[in-house]
Amino acid sequence: MLENSKDLLYIVLSFCILWLTVFLCWLIYYMVSILRGASNMIEEMRERFRGIEDAIRGMRDKMEHATASFAFVSEGIIKLIQYFVSKKKNVEDEIGEIEDKKKRKR
């Protein structure tokens, strides 16, 4: 089997190459595993950012809707105040007329 030292060298080199190959396969496996984990983590972060973006978009839409509703409500309140002010003036005018009539009767 071993006729000279060259044969021993070839056997040792073949075992070294074998172990180097095993080590490189192990290294590649763990690198792929690490990259897969990083990819999963990035995907989770993207999903969370999408959720945050959707929440912000929803709040913005609600604020726009509330602003539009607020404009409608504020116009209604202004009209209501104007109505009560005009009613108050009418009542004050009627009271003034009644007082004038009472003064004239005396």
N, C-alpha and C. Protein backbone atom coordinates (compact mmCIF):
# COMPACT_ATOMS: atom_id res chain seq x y z
N MET A 1 0.81 -1.17 0.00
CA MET A 1 0.00 0.00 0.00
C MET A 1 0.87 1.25 0.00
N LEU A 2 1.69 1.44 0.99
CA LEU A 2 2.59 2.58 1.03
C LEU A 2 3.97 2.12 0.54
N GLU A 3 4.28 2.49 -0.65
CA GLU A 3 5.57 2.07 -1.18
C GLU A 3 6.66 3.11 -0.91
N ASN A 4 6.25 4.37 -0.86
CA ASN A 4 7.23 5.40 -0.55
C ASN A 4 6.53 6.56 0.18
N SER A 5 7.29 7.55 0.51
CA SER A 5 6.76 8.67 1.29
C SER A 5 5.79 9.52 0.46
N LYS A 6 5.91 9.44 -0.84
CA LYS A 6 5.02 10.19 -1.71
C LYS A 6 3.58 9.67 -1.56
N ASP A 7 3.44 8.37 -1.44
CA ASP A 7 2.11 7.78 -1.25
C ASP A 7 1.49 8.26 0.07
N LEU A 8 2.30 8.32 1.11
CA LEU A 8 1.81 8.82 2.40
C LEU A 8 1.39 10.29 2.28
N LEU A 9 2.17 11.07 1.53
CA LEU A 9 1.83 12.47 1.31
C LEU A 9 0.49 12.59 0.60
N TYR A 10 0.26 11.78 -0.41
CA TYR A 10 -1.01 11.82 -1.15
C TYR A 10 -2.19 11.43 -0.25
N ILE A 11 -2.00 10.46 0.62
CA ILE A 11 -3.06 10.05 1.53
C ILE A 11 -3.37 11.17 2.53
N VAL A 12 -2.33 11.77 3.07
CA VAL A 12 -2.53 12.87 4.01
C VAL A 12 -3.20 14.05 3.31
N LEU A 13 -2.76 14.36 2.09
CA LEU A 13 -3.38 15.46 1.33
C LEU A 13 -4.85 15.16 1.01
N SER A 14 -5.14 13.92 0.69
CA SER A 14 -6.54 13.57 0.38
C SER A 14 -7.42 13.72 1.63
N PHE A 15 -6.90 13.31 2.81
CA PHE A 15 -7.66 13.51 4.04
C PHE A 15 -7.83 15.00 4.35
N CYS A 16 -6.79 15.77 4.11
CA CYS A 16 -6.88 17.22 4.34
C CYS A 16 -7.93 17.84 3.41
N ILE A 17 -7.91 17.44 2.15
CA ILE A 17 -8.89 17.96 1.20
C ILE A 17 -10.30 17.52 1.61
N LEU A 18 -10.41 16.28 2.08
CA LEU A 18 -11.71 15.79 2.55
C LEU A 18 -12.21 16.64 3.72
N TRP A 19 -11.35 16.87 4.71
CA TRP A 19 -11.76 17.67 5.87
C TRP A 19 -12.01 19.13 5.48
N LEU A 20 -11.25 19.66 4.56
CA LEU A 20 -11.48 21.02 4.07
C LEU A 20 -12.84 21.11 3.38
N THR A 21 -13.16 20.08 2.60
CA THR A 21 -14.45 20.05 1.92
C THR A 21 -15.59 19.97 2.93
N VAL A 22 -15.44 19.13 3.95
CA VAL A 22 -16.47 19.02 5.00
C VAL A 22 -16.62 20.36 5.71
N PHE A 23 -15.51 20.99 6.04
CA PHE A 23 -15.56 22.29 6.71
C PHE A 23 -16.24 23.33 5.84
N LEU A 24 -15.90 23.38 4.55
CA LEU A 24 -16.52 24.36 3.65
C LEU A 24 -18.02 24.11 3.50
N CYS A 25 -18.42 22.84 3.44
CA CYS A 25 -19.86 22.52 3.36
C CYS A 25 -20.57 22.97 4.64
N TRP A 26 -19.94 22.70 5.78
CA TRP A 26 -20.51 23.13 7.05
C TRP A 26 -20.62 24.66 7.10
N LEU A 27 -19.57 25.35 6.65
CA LEU A 27 -19.55 26.81 6.63
C LEU A 27 -20.64 27.36 5.71
N ILE A 28 -20.78 26.78 4.53
CA ILE A 28 -21.82 27.22 3.59
C ILE A 28 -23.20 27.00 4.18
N TYR A 29 -23.40 25.85 4.84
CA TYR A 29 -24.70 25.55 5.46
C TYR A 29 -25.05 26.61 6.50
N TYR A 30 -24.11 26.96 7.36
CA TYR A 30 -24.40 27.95 8.39
C TYR A 30 -24.56 29.35 7.80
N MET A 31 -23.82 29.68 6.77
CA MET A 31 -23.99 30.97 6.11
C MET A 31 -25.39 31.08 5.51
N VAL A 32 -25.84 30.00 4.86
CA VAL A 32 -27.19 30.00 4.30
C VAL A 32 -28.23 30.11 5.41
N SER A 33 -28.00 29.42 6.52
CA SER A 33 -28.92 29.49 7.66
C SER A 33 -28.99 30.91 8.22
N ILE A 34 -27.85 31.55 8.35
CA ILE A 34 -27.81 32.93 8.85
C ILE A 34 -28.52 33.87 7.88
N LEU A 35 -28.26 33.71 6.59
CA LEU A 35 -28.91 34.56 5.59
C LEU A 35 -30.42 34.33 5.56
N ARG A 36 -30.86 33.09 5.75
CA ARG A 36 -32.29 32.81 5.80
C ARG A 36 -32.92 33.50 7.00
N GLY A 37 -32.24 33.43 8.14
CA GLY A 37 -32.75 34.11 9.34
C GLY A 37 -32.83 35.62 9.13
N ALA A 38 -31.81 36.18 8.49
CA ALA A 38 -31.82 37.62 8.22
C ALA A 38 -32.96 37.97 7.26
N SER A 39 -33.17 37.12 6.27
CA SER A 39 -34.26 37.35 5.32
C SER A 39 -35.61 37.32 6.02
N ASN A 40 -35.80 36.35 6.91
CA ASN A 40 -37.06 36.27 7.67
C ASN A 40 -37.25 37.50 8.55
N MET A 41 -36.17 37.94 9.18
CA MET A 41 -36.25 39.11 10.04
C MET A 41 -36.60 40.36 9.22
N ILE A 42 -36.00 40.49 8.05
CA ILE A 42 -36.29 41.64 7.19
C ILE A 42 -37.75 41.59 6.75
N GLU A 43 -38.24 40.41 6.42
CA GLU A 43 -39.65 40.28 6.00
C GLU A 43 -40.60 40.65 7.14
N GLU A 44 -40.26 40.24 8.38
CA GLU A 44 -41.08 40.63 9.53
C GLU A 44 -41.07 42.14 9.72
N MET A 45 -39.91 42.76 9.57
CA MET A 45 -39.83 44.21 9.71
C MET A 45 -40.66 44.89 8.62
N ARG A 46 -40.61 44.37 7.41
CA ARG A 46 -41.42 44.94 6.33
C ARG A 46 -42.90 44.85 6.68
N GLU A 47 -43.33 43.71 7.22
CA GLU A 47 -44.73 43.55 7.61
C GLU A 47 -45.11 44.54 8.71
N ARG A 48 -44.22 44.74 9.67
CA ARG A 48 -44.50 45.69 10.74
C ARG A 48 -44.58 47.11 10.19
N PHE A 49 -43.66 47.46 9.29
CA PHE A 49 -43.70 48.79 8.69
C PHE A 49 -44.97 48.98 7.87
N ARG A 50 -45.41 47.92 7.18
CA ARG A 50 -46.67 48.00 6.44
C ARG A 50 -47.83 48.25 7.40
N GLY A 51 -47.80 47.55 8.54
CA GLY A 51 -48.84 47.75 9.55
C GLY A 51 -48.85 49.18 10.08
N ILE A 52 -47.66 49.70 10.36
CA ILE A 52 -47.55 51.08 10.85
C ILE A 52 -48.03 52.04 9.78
N GLU A 53 -47.63 51.79 8.53
CA GLU A 53 -48.05 52.65 7.43
C GLU A 53 -49.57 52.61 7.26
N ASP A 54 -50.16 51.43 7.36
CA ASP A 54 -51.62 51.31 7.26
C ASP A 54 -52.31 52.06 8.40
N ALA A 55 -51.75 51.95 9.60
CA ALA A 55 -52.34 52.66 10.74
C ALA A 55 -52.27 54.16 10.55
N ILE A 56 -51.13 54.65 10.09
CA ILE A 56 -50.98 56.09 9.85
C ILE A 56 -51.92 56.54 8.75
N ARG A 57 -52.02 55.74 7.68
CA ARG A 57 -52.93 56.09 6.59
C ARG A 57 -54.38 56.12 7.08
N GLY A 58 -54.75 55.15 7.93
CA GLY A 58 -56.10 55.12 8.49
C GLY A 58 -56.38 56.34 9.35
N MET A 59 -55.41 56.72 10.20
CA MET A 59 -55.59 57.91 11.03
C MET A 59 -55.72 59.16 10.17
N ARG A 60 -54.91 59.24 9.11
CA ARG A 60 -54.98 60.40 8.23
C ARG A 60 -56.35 60.48 7.56
N ASP A 61 -56.86 59.34 7.09
CA ASP A 61 -58.17 59.31 6.46
C ASP A 61 -59.27 59.72 7.45
N LYS A 62 -59.16 59.22 8.68
CA LYS A 62 -60.14 59.60 9.70
C LYS A 62 -60.08 61.09 10.00
N MET A 63 -58.86 61.63 10.07
CA MET A 63 -58.72 63.06 10.32
C MET A 63 -59.31 63.88 9.18
N GLU A 64 -59.08 63.44 7.94
CA GLU A 64 -59.66 64.16 6.80
C GLU A 64 -61.18 64.10 6.86
N HIS A 65 -61.71 62.93 7.19
CA HIS A 65 -63.16 62.78 7.30
C HIS A 65 -63.70 63.64 8.44
N ALA A 66 -63.00 63.63 9.57
CA ALA A 66 -63.43 64.43 10.72
C ALA A 66 -63.38 65.92 10.39
N THR A 67 -62.37 66.33 9.65
CA THR A 67 -62.25 67.73 9.27
C THR A 67 -63.41 68.13 8.37
N ALA A 68 -63.75 67.28 7.42
CA ALA A 68 -64.88 67.57 6.55
C ALA A 68 -66.17 67.61 7.36
N SER A 69 -66.33 66.69 8.29
CA SER A 69 -67.52 66.67 9.14
C SER A 69 -67.54 67.89 10.05
N PHE A 70 -66.37 68.29 10.53
CA PHE A 70 -66.30 69.45 11.41
C PHE A 70 -66.73 70.71 10.68
N ALA A 71 -66.34 70.84 9.41
CA ALA A 71 -66.76 72.00 8.63
C ALA A 71 -68.28 72.02 8.51
N PHE A 72 -68.87 70.87 8.25
CA PHE A 72 -70.33 70.77 8.14
C PHE A 72 -71.00 71.12 9.46
N VAL A 73 -70.48 70.59 10.55
CA VAL A 73 -71.05 70.85 11.88
C VAL A 73 -70.88 72.32 12.25
N SER A 74 -69.72 72.89 11.96
CA SER A 74 -69.50 74.30 12.31
C SER A 74 -70.44 75.21 11.54
N GLU A 75 -70.71 74.90 10.27
CA GLU A 75 -71.68 75.69 9.52
C GLU A 75 -73.06 75.59 10.15
N GLY A 76 -73.43 74.39 10.57
CA GLY A 76 -74.72 74.21 11.24
C GLY A 76 -74.81 75.00 12.53
N ILE A 77 -73.74 74.99 13.31
CA ILE A 77 -73.72 75.73 14.58
C ILE A 77 -73.83 77.22 14.31
N ILE A 78 -73.14 77.71 13.29
CA ILE A 78 -73.21 79.14 12.94
C ILE A 78 -74.64 79.51 12.58
N LYS A 79 -75.28 78.69 11.76
CA LYS A 79 -76.68 78.96 11.37
C LYS A 79 -77.58 78.94 12.60
N LEU A 80 -77.36 77.99 13.51
CA LEU A 80 -78.16 77.88 14.72
C LEU A 80 -77.99 79.12 15.59
N ILE A 81 -76.77 79.59 15.75
CA ILE A 81 -76.51 80.80 16.54
C ILE A 81 -77.18 82.00 15.90
N GLN A 82 -77.07 82.11 14.58
CA GLN A 82 -77.72 83.22 13.89
C GLN A 82 -79.23 83.17 14.10
N TYR A 83 -79.81 81.99 14.07
CA TYR A 83 -81.24 81.83 14.28
C TYR A 83 -81.63 82.31 15.68
N PHE A 84 -80.86 81.88 16.70
CA PHE A 84 -81.18 82.28 18.07
C PHE A 84 -80.97 83.78 18.27
N VAL A 85 -79.95 84.34 17.65
CA VAL A 85 -79.72 85.78 17.77
C VAL A 85 -80.89 86.54 17.15
N SER A 86 -81.34 86.10 15.98
CA SER A 86 -82.48 86.79 15.35
C SER A 86 -83.74 86.62 16.18
N LYS A 87 -83.95 85.43 16.77
CA LYS A 87 -85.10 85.21 17.65
C LYS A 87 -85.02 86.13 18.86
N LYS A 88 -83.82 86.27 19.41
CA LYS A 88 -83.65 87.12 20.59
C LYS A 88 -83.98 88.56 20.24
N LYS A 89 -83.53 89.01 19.07
CA LYS A 89 -83.85 90.37 18.64
C LYS A 89 -85.35 90.54 18.47
N ASN A 90 -86.01 89.55 17.88
CA ASN A 90 -87.46 89.62 17.70
C ASN A 90 -88.17 89.69 19.05
N VAL A 91 -87.73 88.88 20.00
CA VAL A 91 -88.34 88.88 21.34
C VAL A 91 -88.08 90.21 22.02
N GLU A 92 -86.85 90.74 21.91
CA GLU A 92 -86.54 92.04 22.51
C GLU A 92 -87.38 93.14 21.88
N ASP A 93 -87.55 93.07 20.55
CA ASP A 93 -88.39 94.06 19.87
C ASP A 93 -89.84 93.96 20.35
N GLU A 94 -90.35 92.75 20.50
CA GLU A 94 -91.72 92.57 20.98
C GLU A 94 -91.87 93.08 22.41
N ILE A 95 -90.89 92.80 23.25
CA ILE A 95 -90.93 93.28 24.64
C ILE A 95 -90.90 94.80 24.65
N GLY A 96 -90.05 95.39 23.80
CA GLY A 96 -89.99 96.85 23.70
C GLY A 96 -91.31 97.44 23.26
N GLU A 97 -91.98 96.80 22.30
CA GLU A 97 -93.28 97.28 21.83
C GLU A 97 -94.32 97.19 22.94
N ILE A 98 -94.30 96.09 23.69
CA ILE A 98 -95.26 95.92 24.79
C ILE A 98 -95.03 96.99 25.85
N GLU A 99 -93.77 97.28 26.18
CA GLU A 99 -93.46 98.31 27.17
C GLU A 99 -93.90 99.68 26.67
N ASP A 100 -93.70 99.94 25.37
CA ASP A 100 -94.14 101.22 24.79
C ASP A 100 -95.66 101.35 24.89
N LYS A 101 -96.38 100.29 24.62
CA LYS A 101 -97.85 100.31 24.71
C LYS A 101 -98.29 100.57 26.15
N LYS A 102 -97.60 99.96 27.12
CA LYS A 102 -97.94 100.17 28.52
C LYS A 102 -97.69 101.62 28.92
N LYS A 103 -96.58 102.20 28.43
CA LYS A 103 -96.25 103.59 28.74
C LYS A 103 -97.29 104.52 28.12
N ARG A 104 -97.76 104.21 26.94
CA ARG A 104 -98.75 105.05 26.26
C ARG A 104 -100.09 104.99 26.99
N LYS A 105 -100.42 103.86 27.53
CA LYS A 105 -101.68 103.71 28.24
C LYS A 105 -101.68 104.52 29.53
N ARG A 106 -100.63 104.80 30.11
CA ARG A 106 -100.56 105.49 31.39
C ARG A 106 -100.72 106.91 31.20
